[in-house]
C-alpha atoms as a PDB file:
ATOM      1  CA  MET A   1     -57.044  -9.303  67.282  1.00  0.00           C
ATOM      2  CA  THR A   2     -60.485  -7.742  68.317  1.00  0.00           C
ATOM      3  CA  LYS A   3     -63.093  -7.721  65.588  1.00  0.00           C
ATOM      4  CA  ALA A   4     -62.769  -4.500  64.705  1.00  0.00           C
ATOM      5  CA  GLU A   5     -59.712  -5.019  63.354  1.00  0.00           C
ATOM      6  CA  LEU A   6     -60.380  -7.798  61.890  1.00  0.00           C
ATOM      7  CA  LEU A   7     -63.265  -5.936  59.457  1.00  0.00           C
ATOM      8  CA  GLN A   8     -60.888  -3.343  58.580  1.00  0.00           C
ATOM      9  CA  VAL A   9     -58.407  -5.797  57.598  1.00  0.00           C
ATOM     10  CA  ILE A  10     -61.329  -7.289  55.761  1.00  0.00           C
ATOM     11  CA  ARG A  11     -62.493  -3.786  54.171  1.00  0.00           C
ATOM     12  CA  ASP A  12     -59.528  -3.667  53.247  1.00  0.00           C
ATOM     13  CA  LYS A  13     -58.766  -6.918  51.674  1.00  0.00           C
ATOM     14  CA  ASP A  14     -62.323  -6.020  49.712  1.00  0.00           C
ATOM     15  CA  GLN A  15     -60.430  -2.655  48.078  1.00  0.00           C
ATOM     16  CA  GLN A  16     -57.201  -4.510  47.524  1.00  0.00           C
ATOM     17  CA  LEU A  17     -59.521  -7.516  45.237  1.00  0.00           C
ATOM     18  CA  ALA A  18     -61.523  -4.579  43.365  1.00  0.00           C
ATOM     19  CA  GLU A  19     -58.572  -3.047  42.250  1.00  0.00           C
ATOM     20  CA  LEU A  20     -57.415  -6.438  40.992  1.00  0.00           C
ATOM     21  CA  HIS A  21     -60.571  -6.865  38.841  1.00  0.00           C
ATOM     22  CA  THR A  22     -60.302  -3.463  37.397  1.00  0.00           C
ATOM     23  CA  ARG A  23     -56.648  -3.665  36.212  1.00  0.00           C
ATOM     24  CA  ILE A  24     -57.506  -7.207  34.918  1.00  0.00           C
ATOM     25  CA  ASP A  25     -60.429  -5.866  32.582  1.00  0.00           C
ATOM     26  CA  ASP A  26     -57.888  -3.055  32.023  1.00  0.00           C
ATOM     27  CA  LEU A  27     -55.211  -5.713  30.447  1.00  0.00           C
ATOM     28  CA  GLU A  28     -58.072  -7.890  28.932  1.00  0.00           C
ATOM     29  CA  SER A  29     -59.415  -5.176  26.770  1.00  0.00           C
ATOM     30  CA  MET A  30     -56.635  -4.163  25.693  1.00  0.00           C
ATOM     31  CA  ALA A  31     -55.747  -7.897  24.722  1.00  0.00           C
ATOM     32  CA  ILE A  32     -58.830  -8.248  22.259  1.00  0.00           C
ATOM     33  CA  SER A  33     -58.395  -4.076  20.785  1.00  0.00           C
ATOM     34  CA  SER A  34     -54.780  -5.797  19.847  1.00  0.00           C
ATOM     35  CA  GLN A  35     -55.885  -8.603  18.097  1.00  0.00           C
ATOM     36  CA  ALA A  36     -52.514  -9.914  18.079  1.00  0.00           C
ATOM     37  CA  LEU A  37     -52.079 -13.323  16.720  1.00  0.00           C
ATOM     38  CA  PRO A  38     -48.803 -15.533  17.814  1.00  0.00           C
ATOM     39  CA  MET A  39     -46.271 -16.258  15.597  1.00  0.00           C
ATOM     40  CA  ASP A  40     -45.694 -20.626  14.264  1.00  0.00           C
ATOM     41  CA  ALA A  41     -42.391 -21.481  14.677  1.00  0.00           C
ATOM     42  CA  ASP A  42     -41.064 -20.743  10.883  1.00  0.00           C
ATOM     43  CA  SER A  43     -42.179 -16.854  10.975  1.00  0.00           C
ATOM     44  CA  SER A  44     -40.572 -16.634  14.294  1.00  0.00           C
ATOM     45  CA  ARG A  45     -37.258 -18.322  13.528  1.00  0.00           C
ATOM     46  CA  LEU A  46     -37.317 -16.241  10.544  1.00  0.00           C
ATOM     47  CA  LEU A  47     -38.284 -13.386  11.773  1.00  0.00           C
ATOM     48  CA  THR A  48     -34.991 -13.650  14.344  1.00  0.00           C
ATOM     49  CA  LEU A  49     -32.462 -14.071  11.625  1.00  0.00           C
ATOM     50  CA  MET A  50     -33.767 -11.229  10.648  1.00  0.00           C
ATOM     51  CA  ASN A  51     -33.396  -9.036  13.166  1.00  0.00           C
ATOM     52  CA  GLN A  52     -29.471 -10.472  13.431  1.00  0.00           C
ATOM     53  CA  ARG A  53     -29.078 -10.108  10.360  1.00  0.00           C
ATOM     54  CA  ILE A  54     -29.769  -5.932  10.689  1.00  0.00           C
ATOM     55  CA  LYS A  55     -28.565  -5.612  13.894  1.00  0.00           C
ATOM     56  CA  ALA A  56     -25.391  -7.991  12.843  1.00  0.00           C
ATOM     57  CA  LEU A  57     -25.587  -4.526   9.335  1.00  0.00           C
ATOM     58  CA  GLU A  58     -26.187  -1.837  12.098  1.00  0.00           C
ATOM     59  CA  GLU A  59     -23.179  -2.652  13.909  1.00  0.00           C
ATOM     60  CA  LYS A  60     -21.013  -2.723  10.649  1.00  0.00           C
ATOM     61  CA  LEU A  61     -22.333   0.061   9.483  1.00  0.00           C
ATOM     62  CA  ASN A  62     -21.209   1.353  13.151  1.00  0.00           C
ATOM     63  CA  ASP A  63     -17.987  -0.227  12.456  1.00  0.00           C
ATOM     64  CA  GLN A  64     -16.962   2.356   9.684  1.00  0.00           C
END
């Protein structure tokens, strides 16, 4: 690999790195703006059970 080719590869990698940093900044700003809080285990189980019950009721209505 020549010196010019090596420099071109370095420039390409620098550009990719800059794009990745921009994407990371975008994702971090989205995470901060959502302010979502993780659920505790009990709430998660309750939500799962409620979703299962809703799906079962929807299927029952669709079968009628």
